[in-house]
Amino acid sequence: MGKFKGIMCAAAIAVMGVTAAGCDDEDAVVTNAEFDAIDTSNDGLVSAAEWNATFAVWDVNGDGIVNQNEWLLDSGFGTLDVDANAALTEAEWNSAMVNWDVDNDGFLDPGEMFF
């Protein structure tokens, strides 16, 4: 990812973090603001590259996991945290691209997130 695009991704996610209402485990369709912060290309779809970049940005302390305090969406954490240890590994994170991509097109749209 280019330096400018990486900075824009980080800035978008940081702005979203300021506006996030909190974290919970209830499944719901992602809000437009939450989706837009991940969809850094603004094409209405989240690619694997955008999803992976989000993991890298949200892993604030760089320990290789995204814990509940680092998760910036209002919902969906519990769906990905399959071992219920309050920490998402990259494998759990990446499972979203497989589990949520119901039309198997390799992208997530707002209706597919937290499916």
C-alpha atoms as a PDB file:
ATOM      1  CA  MET A   1       0.000   0.000   0.000  1.00  0.00           C
ATOM      2  CA  GLY A   2       1.336   3.416  -0.897  1.00  0.00           C
ATOM      3  CA  LYS A   3       2.299   5.766   1.900  1.00  0.00           C
ATOM      4  CA  PHE A   4      -0.470   8.263   1.094  1.00  0.00           C
ATOM      5  CA  LYS A   5      -3.162   5.569   0.884  1.00  0.00           C
ATOM      6  CA  GLY A   6      -1.941   4.060   4.165  1.00  0.00           C
ATOM      7  CA  ILE A   7      -2.131   7.454   5.842  1.00  0.00           C
ATOM      8  CA  MET A   8      -5.634   8.023   4.447  1.00  0.00           C
ATOM      9  CA  CYS A   9      -6.725   4.586   5.679  1.00  0.00           C
ATOM     10  CA  ALA A  10      -5.349   5.261   9.134  1.00  0.00           C
ATOM     11  CA  ALA A  11      -6.966   8.708   9.229  1.00  0.00           C
ATOM     12  CA  ALA A  12     -10.341   7.369   8.149  1.00  0.00           C
ATOM     13  CA  ILE A  13     -10.253   4.634  10.735  1.00  0.00           C
ATOM     14  CA  ALA A  14      -9.113   7.056  13.448  1.00  0.00           C
ATOM     15  CA  VAL A  15     -12.007   9.396  12.638  1.00  0.00           C
ATOM     16  CA  MET A  16     -14.399   6.472  12.791  1.00  0.00           C
ATOM     17  CA  GLY A  17     -12.986   5.486  16.179  1.00  0.00           C
ATOM     18  CA  VAL A  18     -13.831   8.909  17.571  1.00  0.00           C
ATOM     19  CA  THR A  19     -17.428   8.549  16.433  1.00  0.00           C
ATOM     20  CA  ALA A  20     -17.907   4.890  17.377  1.00  0.00           C
ATOM     21  CA  ALA A  21     -20.619   4.332  19.951  1.00  0.00           C
ATOM     22  CA  GLY A  22     -18.983   1.325  21.585  1.00  0.00           C
ATOM     23  CA  CYS A  23     -18.426  -2.377  21.157  1.00  0.00           C
ATOM     24  CA  ASP A  24     -20.942  -5.123  21.635  1.00  0.00           C
ATOM     25  CA  ASP A  25     -21.487  -8.647  20.435  1.00  0.00           C
ATOM     26  CA  GLU A  26     -24.875  -8.220  18.770  1.00  0.00           C
ATOM     27  CA  ASP A  27     -24.975  -8.974  15.083  1.00  0.00           C
ATOM     28  CA  ALA A  28     -26.282  -6.164  12.887  1.00  0.00           C
ATOM     29  CA  VAL A  29     -25.614  -4.702   9.489  1.00  0.00           C
ATOM     30  CA  VAL A  30     -22.705  -2.293   9.651  1.00  0.00           C
ATOM     31  CA  THR A  31     -23.541   1.426   9.567  1.00  0.00           C
ATOM     32  CA  ASN A  32     -22.584   3.548   6.583  1.00  0.00           C
ATOM     33  CA  ALA A  33     -19.964   5.504   8.555  1.00  0.00           C
ATOM     34  CA  GLU A  34     -18.351   2.288   9.824  1.00  0.00           C
ATOM     35  CA  PHE A  35     -18.342   0.738   6.362  1.00  0.00           C
ATOM     36  CA  ASP A  36     -16.960   3.890   4.726  1.00  0.00           C
ATOM     37  CA  ALA A  37     -14.031   3.923   7.156  1.00  0.00           C
ATOM     38  CA  ILE A  38     -13.021   0.430   6.015  1.00  0.00           C
ATOM     39  CA  ASP A  39     -13.874   0.992   2.321  1.00  0.00           C
ATOM     40  CA  THR A  40     -10.936   3.320   1.739  1.00  0.00           C
ATOM     41  CA  SER A  41     -11.354   3.202  -2.061  1.00  0.00           C
ATOM     42  CA  ASN A  42     -14.956   4.438  -1.691  1.00  0.00           C
ATOM     43  CA  ASP A  43     -16.213   1.953  -4.260  1.00  0.00           C
ATOM     44  CA  GLY A  44     -18.936   0.479  -2.047  1.00  0.00           C
ATOM     45  CA  LEU A  45     -17.018  -2.755  -1.496  1.00  0.00           C
ATOM     46  CA  VAL A  46     -14.400  -3.880   1.009  1.00  0.00           C
ATOM     47  CA  SER A  47     -11.613  -5.819  -0.664  1.00  0.00           C
ATOM     48  CA  ALA A  48      -9.333  -8.282   1.087  1.00  0.00           C
ATOM     49  CA  ALA A  49      -6.577  -5.657   0.912  1.00  0.00           C
ATOM     50  CA  GLU A  50      -8.785  -3.056   2.631  1.00  0.00           C
ATOM     51  CA  TRP A  51      -9.885  -5.593   5.257  1.00  0.00           C
ATOM     52  CA  ASN A  52      -6.277  -6.652   5.960  1.00  0.00           C
ATOM     53  CA  ALA A  53      -5.145  -3.016   6.165  1.00  0.00           C
ATOM     54  CA  THR A  54      -7.849  -2.410   8.757  1.00  0.00           C
ATOM     55  CA  PHE A  55      -6.488  -5.240  10.931  1.00  0.00           C
ATOM     56  CA  ALA A  56      -3.031  -3.695  10.810  1.00  0.00           C
ATOM     57  CA  VAL A  57      -4.361  -0.273  11.809  1.00  0.00           C
ATOM     58  CA  TRP A  58      -6.700  -1.532  14.549  1.00  0.00           C
ATOM     59  CA  ASP A  59      -3.957  -3.646  16.136  1.00  0.00           C
ATOM     60  CA  VAL A  60      -2.864  -0.488  17.935  1.00  0.00           C
ATOM     61  CA  ASN A  61      -0.312  -2.103  20.231  1.00  0.00           C
ATOM     62  CA  GLY A  62       1.138  -4.286  17.453  1.00  0.00           C
ATOM     63  CA  ASP A  63       0.707  -7.579  19.315  1.00  0.00           C
ATOM     64  CA  GLY A  64      -0.810  -9.420  16.336  1.00  0.00           C
ATOM     65  CA  ILE A  65      -4.359  -9.451  17.705  1.00  0.00           C
ATOM     66  CA  VAL A  66      -7.295  -7.057  17.756  1.00  0.00           C
ATOM     67  CA  ASN A  67      -8.896  -7.130  21.185  1.00  0.00           C
ATOM     68  CA  GLN A  68     -12.332  -5.779  22.119  1.00  0.00           C
ATOM     69  CA  ASN A  69     -10.857  -2.417  23.095  1.00  0.00           C
ATOM     70  CA  GLU A  70      -9.241  -2.073  19.660  1.00  0.00           C
ATOM     71  CA  TRP A  71     -12.371  -3.169  17.717  1.00  0.00           C
ATOM     72  CA  LEU A  72     -13.966  -0.007  16.338  1.00  0.00           C
ATOM     73  CA  LEU A  73     -17.288  -1.280  15.010  1.00  0.00           C
ATOM     74  CA  ASP A  74     -20.468  -1.385  17.050  1.00  0.00           C
ATOM     75  CA  SER A  75     -21.108  -5.054  16.290  1.00  0.00           C
ATOM     76  CA  GLY A  76     -19.572  -8.188  14.885  1.00  0.00           C
ATOM     77  CA  PHE A  77     -16.718  -8.831  17.316  1.00  0.00           C
ATOM     78  CA  GLY A  78     -18.383 -11.867  18.857  1.00  0.00           C
ATOM     79  CA  THR A  79     -19.100 -13.293  15.425  1.00  0.00           C
ATOM     80  CA  LEU A  80     -15.392 -13.358  14.591  1.00  0.00           C
ATOM     81  CA  ASP A  81     -14.094 -14.279  18.062  1.00  0.00           C
ATOM     82  CA  VAL A  82     -14.799 -17.989  17.612  1.00  0.00           C
ATOM     83  CA  ASP A  83     -12.811 -19.071  20.673  1.00  0.00           C
ATOM     84  CA  ALA A  84     -14.463 -16.346  22.823  1.00  0.00           C
ATOM     85  CA  ASN A  85     -11.164 -15.136  24.279  1.00  0.00           C
ATOM     86  CA  ALA A  86     -11.871 -11.422  23.600  1.00  0.00           C
ATOM     87  CA  ALA A  87      -9.043 -11.316  21.045  1.00  0.00           C
ATOM     88  CA  LEU A  88      -9.116 -11.660  17.270  1.00  0.00           C
ATOM     89  CA  THR A  89      -6.181 -13.372  15.639  1.00  0.00           C
ATOM     90  CA  GLU A  90      -5.427 -12.730  11.977  1.00  0.00           C
ATOM     91  CA  ALA A  91      -6.995 -16.115  11.186  1.00  0.00           C
ATOM     92  CA  GLU A  92     -10.227 -15.143  12.952  1.00  0.00           C
ATOM     93  CA  TRP A  93     -10.131 -11.715  11.287  1.00  0.00           C
ATOM     94  CA  ASN A  94      -9.564 -13.201   7.836  1.00  0.00           C
ATOM     95  CA  SER A  95     -12.456 -15.628   8.313  1.00  0.00           C
ATOM     96  CA  ALA A  96     -14.794 -12.654   7.811  1.00  0.00           C
ATOM     97  CA  MET A  97     -13.826 -12.459   4.146  1.00  0.00           C
ATOM     98  CA  VAL A  98     -14.935 -16.079   3.739  1.00  0.00           C
ATOM     99  CA  ASN A  99     -17.876 -16.202   6.156  1.00  0.00           C
ATOM    100  CA  TRP A 100     -19.438 -12.827   5.389  1.00  0.00           C
ATOM    101  CA  ASP A 101     -18.898 -12.859   1.602  1.00  0.00           C
ATOM    102  CA  VAL A 102     -22.192 -14.626   0.905  1.00  0.00           C
ATOM    103  CA  ASP A 103     -22.104 -13.994  -2.845  1.00  0.00           C
ATOM    104  CA  ASN A 104     -18.507 -15.263  -3.080  1.00  0.00           C
ATOM    105  CA  ASP A 105     -17.313 -12.322  -5.143  1.00  0.00           C
ATOM    106  CA  GLY A 106     -14.224 -11.680  -3.002  1.00  0.00           C
ATOM    107  CA  PHE A 107     -15.594  -8.422  -1.582  1.00  0.00           C
ATOM    108  CA  LEU A 108     -17.777  -7.416   1.345  1.00  0.00           C
ATOM    109  CA  ASP A 109     -20.659  -5.048   0.793  1.00  0.00           C
ATOM    110  CA  PRO A 110     -22.522  -3.360   3.671  1.00  0.00           C
ATOM    111  CA  GLY A 111     -25.293  -5.971   3.658  1.00  0.00           C
ATOM    112  CA  GLU A 112     -22.854  -8.861   3.987  1.00  0.00           C
ATOM    113  CA  MET A 113     -20.953  -7.613   7.013  1.00  0.00           C
ATOM    114  CA  PHE A 114     -21.974  -9.459  10.189  1.00  0.00           C
ATOM    115  CA  PHE A 115     -24.087 -11.880   8.118  1.00  0.00           C
END
